[in-house]
Amino acid sequence: MIRFSLRIPADLHERVTARATADRRSLNSEILHLLEVALTAPRPDTGPPSGDPAPPAPLRGKPDSSPA
């Protein structure tokens, strides 16, 4: 296991500590649990920020031979 220091704002520390207490976990275990949940959750569709669908990808292969 790797050990490292982490600086977080006091209000976030309080929130995580309260959640650890409610879940009957140590602070370290709660942080590991939250990271695991966040990293294994399916990611939302990462389209453009406007919410519009992304333009279609360019076609690959032979160019269109139909007259313009």
PDB file of N, CA and C in Angstrom:
ATOM      1  N   MET A   1       0.850  -1.164   0.000  1.00  0.00           N
ATOM      2  CA  MET A   1       0.000   0.000   0.000  1.00  0.00           C
ATOM      3  C   MET A   1       0.900   1.232   0.000  1.00  0.00           C
ATOM      4  N   ILE A   2       0.499   2.246  -0.729  1.00  0.00           N
ATOM      5  CA  ILE A   2       1.261   3.487  -0.834  1.00  0.00           C
ATOM      6  C   ILE A   2       0.732   4.487   0.180  1.00  0.00           C
ATOM      7  N   ARG A   3       1.654   5.192   0.804  1.00  0.00           N
ATOM      8  CA  ARG A   3       1.283   6.186   1.796  1.00  0.00           C
ATOM      9  C   ARG A   3       1.619   7.562   1.235  1.00  0.00           C
ATOM     10  N   PHE A   4       0.655   8.519   1.358  1.00  0.00           N
ATOM     11  CA  PHE A   4       0.923   9.878   0.908  1.00  0.00           C
ATOM     12  C   PHE A   4       0.091  10.852   1.727  1.00  0.00           C
ATOM     13  N   SER A   5       0.508  12.102   1.701  1.00  0.00           N
ATOM     14  CA  SER A   5      -0.217  13.152   2.431  1.00  0.00           C
ATOM     15  C   SER A   5      -1.257  13.779   1.516  1.00  0.00           C
ATOM     16  N   LEU A   6      -2.351  14.180   2.102  1.00  0.00           N
ATOM     17  CA  LEU A   6      -3.429  14.802   1.352  1.00  0.00           C
ATOM     18  C   LEU A   6      -3.919  16.017   2.125  1.00  0.00           C
ATOM     19  N   ARG A   7      -3.990  17.139   1.455  1.00  0.00           N
ATOM     20  CA  ARG A   7      -4.520  18.354   2.088  1.00  0.00           C
ATOM     21  C   ARG A   7      -5.924  18.591   1.561  1.00  0.00           C
ATOM     22  N   ILE A   8      -6.873  18.707   2.483  1.00  0.00           N
ATOM     23  CA  ILE A   8      -8.254  18.980   2.096  1.00  0.00           C
ATOM     24  C   ILE A   8      -8.792  20.096   2.984  1.00  0.00           C
ATOM     25  N   PRO A   9      -9.763  20.830   2.487  1.00  0.00           N
ATOM     26  CA  PRO A   9     -10.362  21.899   3.302  1.00  0.00           C
ATOM     27  C   PRO A   9     -11.020  21.320   4.561  1.00  0.00           C
ATOM     28  N   ALA A  10     -11.044  22.118   5.611  1.00  0.00           N
ATOM     29  CA  ALA A  10     -11.593  21.674   6.898  1.00  0.00           C
ATOM     30  C   ALA A  10     -13.047  21.214   6.773  1.00  0.00           C
ATOM     31  N   ASP A  11     -13.858  21.929   5.983  1.00  0.00           N
ATOM     32  CA  ASP A  11     -15.269  21.544   5.857  1.00  0.00           C
ATOM     33  C   ASP A  11     -15.418  20.191   5.166  1.00  0.00           C
ATOM     34  N   LEU A  12     -14.561  19.891   4.194  1.00  0.00           N
ATOM     35  CA  LEU A  12     -14.616  18.590   3.529  1.00  0.00           C
ATOM     36  C   LEU A  12     -14.163  17.487   4.493  1.00  0.00           C
ATOM     37  N   HIS A  13     -13.156  17.778   5.289  1.00  0.00           N
ATOM     38  CA  HIS A  13     -12.696  16.815   6.296  1.00  0.00           C
ATOM     39  C   HIS A  13     -13.829  16.490   7.267  1.00  0.00           C
ATOM     40  N   GLU A  14     -14.558  17.500   7.699  1.00  0.00           N
ATOM     41  CA  GLU A  14     -15.686  17.278   8.613  1.00  0.00           C
ATOM     42  C   GLU A  14     -16.754  16.410   7.970  1.00  0.00           C
ATOM     43  N   ARG A  15     -17.047  16.677   6.700  1.00  0.00           N
ATOM     44  CA  ARG A  15     -18.072  15.900   6.001  1.00  0.00           C
ATOM     45  C   ARG A  15     -17.661  14.444   5.852  1.00  0.00           C
ATOM     46  N   VAL A  16     -16.407  14.205   5.469  1.00  0.00           N
ATOM     47  CA  VAL A  16     -15.944  12.833   5.291  1.00  0.00           C
ATOM     48  C   VAL A  16     -15.868  12.119   6.636  1.00  0.00           C
ATOM     49  N   THR A  17     -15.424  12.829   7.665  1.00  0.00           N
ATOM     50  CA  THR A  17     -15.356  12.235   9.002  1.00  0.00           C
ATOM     51  C   THR A  17     -16.750  11.852   9.488  1.00  0.00           C
ATOM     52  N   ALA A  18     -17.730  12.725   9.272  1.00  0.00           N
ATOM     53  CA  ALA A  18     -19.109  12.417   9.680  1.00  0.00           C
ATOM     54  C   ALA A  18     -19.640  11.203   8.922  1.00  0.00           C
ATOM     55  N   ARG A  19     -19.322  11.131   7.643  1.00  0.00           N
ATOM     56  CA  ARG A  19     -19.789   9.998   6.846  1.00  0.00           C
ATOM     57  C   ARG A  19     -19.112   8.705   7.303  1.00  0.00           C
ATOM     58  N   ALA A  20     -17.824   8.778   7.626  1.00  0.00           N
ATOM     59  CA  ALA A  20     -17.107   7.601   8.121  1.00  0.00           C
ATOM     60  C   ALA A  20     -17.730   7.112   9.420  1.00  0.00           C
ATOM     61  N   THR A  21     -18.053   8.035  10.299  1.00  0.00           N
ATOM     62  CA  THR A  21     -18.683   7.668  11.568  1.00  0.00           C
ATOM     63  C   THR A  21     -20.033   7.002  11.318  1.00  0.00           C
ATOM     64  N   ALA A  22     -20.834   7.588  10.422  1.00  0.00           N
ATOM     65  CA  ALA A  22     -22.151   7.028  10.119  1.00  0.00           C
ATOM     66  C   ALA A  22     -22.038   5.638   9.492  1.00  0.00           C
ATOM     67  N   ASP A  23     -20.986   5.423   8.694  1.00  0.00           N
ATOM     68  CA  ASP A  23     -20.791   4.133   8.028  1.00  0.00           C
ATOM     69  C   ASP A  23     -19.951   3.168   8.860  1.00  0.00           C
ATOM     70  N   ARG A  24     -19.582   3.594  10.078  1.00  0.00           N
ATOM     71  CA  ARG A  24     -18.778   2.781  10.994  1.00  0.00           C
ATOM     72  C   ARG A  24     -17.467   2.333  10.351  1.00  0.00           C
ATOM     73  N   ARG A  25     -16.790   3.299   9.724  1.00  0.00           N
ATOM     74  CA  ARG A  25     -15.495   3.053   9.095  1.00  0.00           C
ATOM     75  C   ARG A  25     -14.490   4.047   9.650  1.00  0.00           C
ATOM     76  N   SER A  26     -13.219   3.722   9.529  1.00  0.00           N
ATOM     77  CA  SER A  26     -12.179   4.699   9.838  1.00  0.00           C
ATOM     78  C   SER A  26     -12.179   5.745   8.728  1.00  0.00           C
ATOM     79  N   LEU A  27     -11.571   6.862   9.000  1.00  0.00           N
ATOM     80  CA  LEU A  27     -11.482   7.917   7.988  1.00  0.00           C
ATOM     81  C   LEU A  27     -10.767   7.393   6.749  1.00  0.00           C
ATOM     82  N   ASN A  28      -9.673   6.674   6.942  1.00  0.00           N
ATOM     83  CA  ASN A  28      -8.927   6.110   5.820  1.00  0.00           C
ATOM     84  C   ASN A  28      -9.801   5.151   5.007  1.00  0.00           C
ATOM     85  N   SER A  29     -10.505   4.258   5.690  1.00  0.00           N
ATOM     86  CA  SER A  29     -11.372   3.304   4.989  1.00  0.00           C
ATOM     87  C   SER A  29     -12.488   4.006   4.235  1.00  0.00           C
ATOM     88  N   GLU A  30     -13.020   5.071   4.814  1.00  0.00           N
ATOM     89  CA  GLU A  30     -14.095   5.808   4.136  1.00  0.00           C
ATOM     90  C   GLU A  30     -13.579   6.478   2.869  1.00  0.00           C
ATOM     91  N   ILE A  31     -12.401   7.069   2.948  1.00  0.00           N
ATOM     92  CA  ILE A  31     -11.821   7.716   1.761  1.00  0.00           C
ATOM     93  C   ILE A  31     -11.555   6.668   0.676  1.00  0.00           C
ATOM     94  N   LEU A  32     -11.008   5.510   1.056  1.00  0.00           N
ATOM     95  CA  LEU A  32     -10.784   4.444   0.078  1.00  0.00           C
ATOM     96  C   LEU A  32     -12.104   3.987  -0.544  1.00  0.00           C
ATOM     97  N   HIS A  33     -13.129   3.831   0.287  1.00  0.00           N
ATOM     98  CA  HIS A  33     -14.443   3.410  -0.209  1.00  0.00           C
ATOM     99  C   HIS A  33     -14.996   4.437  -1.207  1.00  0.00           C
ATOM    100  N   LEU A  34     -14.941   5.712  -0.849  1.00  0.00           N
ATOM    101  CA  LEU A  34     -15.464   6.758  -1.730  1.00  0.00           C
ATOM    102  C   LEU A  34     -14.704   6.818  -3.057  1.00  0.00           C
ATOM    103  N   LEU A  35     -13.389   6.634  -3.002  1.00  0.00           N
ATOM    104  CA  LEU A  35     -12.601   6.614  -4.240  1.00  0.00           C
ATOM    105  C   LEU A  35     -12.976   5.415  -5.105  1.00  0.00           C
ATOM    106  N   GLU A  36     -13.117   4.241  -4.485  1.00  0.00           N
ATOM    107  CA  GLU A  36     -13.505   3.046  -5.240  1.00  0.00           C
ATOM    108  C   GLU A  36     -14.866   3.240  -5.913  1.00  0.00           C
ATOM    109  N   VAL A  37     -15.827   3.757  -5.164  1.00  0.00           N
ATOM    110  CA  VAL A  37     -17.163   3.989  -5.724  1.00  0.00           C
ATOM    111  C   VAL A  37     -17.094   4.974  -6.881  1.00  0.00           C
ATOM    112  N   ALA A  38     -16.353   6.051  -6.691  1.00  0.00           N
ATOM    113  CA  ALA A  38     -16.253   7.077  -7.739  1.00  0.00           C
ATOM    114  C   ALA A  38     -15.559   6.549  -8.986  1.00  0.00           C
ATOM    115  N   LEU A  39     -14.567   5.708  -8.807  1.00  0.00           N
ATOM    116  CA  LEU A  39     -13.794   5.223  -9.953  1.00  0.00           C
ATOM    117  C   LEU A  39     -14.411   4.015 -10.639  1.00  0.00           C
ATOM    118  N   THR A  40     -15.365   3.352 -10.005  1.00  0.00           N
ATOM    119  CA  THR A  40     -16.008   2.206 -10.650  1.00  0.00           C
ATOM    120  C   THR A  40     -17.402   2.534 -11.171  1.00  0.00           C
ATOM    121  N   ALA A  41     -17.916   3.705 -10.824  1.00  0.00           N
ATOM    122  CA  ALA A  41     -19.239   4.108 -11.316  1.00  0.00           C
ATOM    123  C   ALA A  41     -19.156   4.363 -12.816  1.00  0.00           C
ATOM    124  N   PRO A  42     -20.206   4.010 -13.560  1.00  0.00           N
ATOM    125  CA  PRO A  42     -20.191   4.305 -14.995  1.00  0.00           C
ATOM    126  C   PRO A  42     -20.133   5.804 -15.210  1.00  0.00           C
ATOM    127  N   ARG A  43     -19.325   6.209 -16.156  1.00  0.00           N
ATOM    128  CA  ARG A  43     -19.178   7.627 -16.446  1.00  0.00           C
ATOM    129  C   ARG A  43     -20.356   8.103 -17.288  1.00  0.00           C
ATOM    130  N   PRO A  44     -20.848   9.283 -16.997  1.00  0.00           N
ATOM    131  CA  PRO A  44     -21.924   9.817 -17.834  1.00  0.00           C
ATOM    132  C   PRO A  44     -21.398  10.078 -19.237  1.00  0.00           C
ATOM    133  N   ASP A  45     -22.303  10.121 -20.201  1.00  0.00           N
ATOM    134  CA  ASP A  45     -21.913  10.387 -21.582  1.00  0.00           C
ATOM    135  C   ASP A  45     -21.106  11.679 -21.609  1.00  0.00           C
ATOM    136  N   THR A  46     -19.950  11.624 -22.193  1.00  0.00           N
ATOM    137  CA  THR A  46     -19.066  12.787 -22.201  1.00  0.00           C
ATOM    138  C   THR A  46     -19.186  13.534 -23.522  1.00  0.00           C
ATOM    139  N   GLY A  47     -20.371  13.991 -23.834  1.00  0.00           N
ATOM    140  CA  GLY A  47     -20.601  14.789 -25.024  1.00  0.00           C
ATOM    141  C   GLY A  47     -20.165  16.223 -24.802  1.00  0.00           C
ATOM    142  N   PRO A  48     -20.408  17.083 -25.763  1.00  0.00           N
ATOM    143  CA  PRO A  48     -20.041  18.486 -25.623  1.00  0.00           C
ATOM    144  C   PRO A  48     -20.754  19.121 -24.426  1.00  0.00           C
ATOM    145  N   PRO A  49     -20.167  20.151 -23.810  1.00  0.00           N
ATOM    146  CA  PRO A  49     -20.770  20.784 -22.638  1.00  0.00           C
ATOM    147  C   PRO A  49     -22.157  21.355 -22.890  1.00  0.00           C
ATOM    148  N   SER A  50     -22.463  21.721 -24.121  1.00  0.00           N
ATOM    149  CA  SER A  50     -23.754  22.322 -24.424  1.00  0.00           C
ATOM    150  C   SER A  50     -24.897  21.326 -24.320  1.00  0.00           C
ATOM    151  N   GLY A  51     -24.562  20.050 -24.277  1.00  0.00           N
ATOM    152  CA  GLY A  51     -25.596  19.033 -24.208  1.00  0.00           C
ATOM    153  C   GLY A  51     -26.027  18.552 -25.579  1.00  0.00           C
ATOM    154  N   ASP A  52     -25.568  19.236 -26.630  1.00  0.00           N
ATOM    155  CA  ASP A  52     -25.880  18.802 -27.989  1.00  0.00           C
ATOM    156  C   ASP A  52     -25.089  17.546 -28.299  1.00  0.00           C
ATOM    157  N   PRO A  53     -25.667  16.668 -29.101  1.00  0.00           N
ATOM    158  CA  PRO A  53     -24.908  15.469 -29.441  1.00  0.00           C
ATOM    159  C   PRO A  53     -23.660  15.832 -30.233  1.00  0.00           C
ATOM    160  N   ALA A  54     -22.640  15.041 -30.104  1.00  0.00           N
ATOM    161  CA  ALA A  54     -21.392  15.282 -30.824  1.00  0.00           C
ATOM    162  C   ALA A  54     -21.627  15.058 -32.306  1.00  0.00           C
ATOM    163  N   PRO A  55     -20.925  15.801 -33.152  1.00  0.00           N
ATOM    164  CA  PRO A  55     -21.079  15.569 -34.592  1.00  0.00           C
ATOM    165  C   PRO A  55     -20.570  14.172 -34.935  1.00  0.00           C
ATOM    166  N   PRO A  56     -21.110  13.572 -35.988  1.00  0.00           N
ATOM    167  CA  PRO A  56     -20.673  12.224 -36.323  1.00  0.00           C
ATOM    168  C   PRO A  56     -19.194  12.211 -36.697  1.00  0.00           C
ATOM    169  N   ALA A  57     -18.546  11.102 -36.417  1.00  0.00           N
ATOM    170  CA  ALA A  57     -17.133  10.960 -36.763  1.00  0.00           C
ATOM    171  C   ALA A  57     -17.012  10.886 -38.283  1.00  0.00           C
ATOM    172  N   PRO A  58     -15.898  11.370 -38.829  1.00  0.00           N
ATOM    173  CA  PRO A  58     -15.740  11.279 -40.284  1.00  0.00           C
ATOM    174  C   PRO A  58     -15.706   9.827 -40.724  1.00  0.00           C
ATOM    175  N   LEU A  59     -16.228   9.584 -41.912  1.00  0.00           N
ATOM    176  CA  LEU A  59     -16.252   8.227 -42.447  1.00  0.00           C
ATOM    177  C   LEU A  59     -14.848   7.813 -42.835  1.00  0.00           C
ATOM    178  N   ARG A  60     -14.555   6.572 -42.678  1.00  0.00           N
ATOM    179  CA  ARG A  60     -13.247   6.045 -43.052  1.00  0.00           C
ATOM    180  C   ARG A  60     -13.426   5.107 -44.239  1.00  0.00           C
ATOM    181  N   GLY A  61     -12.406   4.917 -44.972  1.00  0.00           N
ATOM    182  CA  GLY A  61     -12.485   4.014 -46.112  1.00  0.00           C
ATOM    183  C   GLY A  61     -12.478   4.798 -47.400  1.00  0.00           C
ATOM    184  N   LYS A  62     -13.120   4.253 -48.433  1.00  0.00           N
ATOM    185  CA  LYS A  62     -13.122   4.895 -49.743  1.00  0.00           C
ATOM    186  C   LYS A  62     -13.943   6.180 -49.709  1.00  0.00           C
ATOM    187  N   PRO A  63     -13.466   7.233 -50.376  1.00  0.00           N
ATOM    188  CA  PRO A  63     -14.265   8.458 -50.454  1.00  0.00           C
ATOM    189  C   PRO A  63     -15.528   8.220 -51.266  1.00  0.00           C
ATOM    190  N   ASP A  64     -16.509   9.054 -51.023  1.00  0.00           N
ATOM    191  CA  ASP A  64     -17.772   8.962 -51.745  1.00  0.00           C
ATOM    192  C   ASP A  64     -17.525   9.233 -53.220  1.00  0.00           C
ATOM    193  N   SER A  65     -17.941   8.324 -54.090  1.00  0.00           N
ATOM    194  CA  SER A  65     -17.697   8.497 -55.517  1.00  0.00           C
ATOM    195  C   SER A  65     -18.912   9.058 -56.249  1.00  0.00           C
ATOM    196  N   SER A  66     -19.958   9.437 -55.501  1.00  0.00           N
ATOM    197  CA  SER A  66     -21.134   9.968 -56.165  1.00  0.00           C
ATOM    198  C   SER A  66     -20.848  11.407 -56.625  1.00  0.00           C
ATOM    199  N   PRO A  67     -21.486  11.819 -57.757  1.00  0.00           N
ATOM    200  CA  PRO A  67     -21.255  13.178 -58.252  1.00  0.00           C
ATOM    201  C   PRO A  67     -21.818  14.206 -57.270  1.00  0.00           C
ATOM    202  N   ALA A  68     -21.173  15.356 -57.208  1.00  0.00           N
ATOM    203  CA  ALA A  68     -21.590  16.389 -56.276  1.00  0.00           C
ATOM    204  C   ALA A  68     -22.677  17.248 -56.814  1.00  0.00           C
TER     205      ALA A  68
END
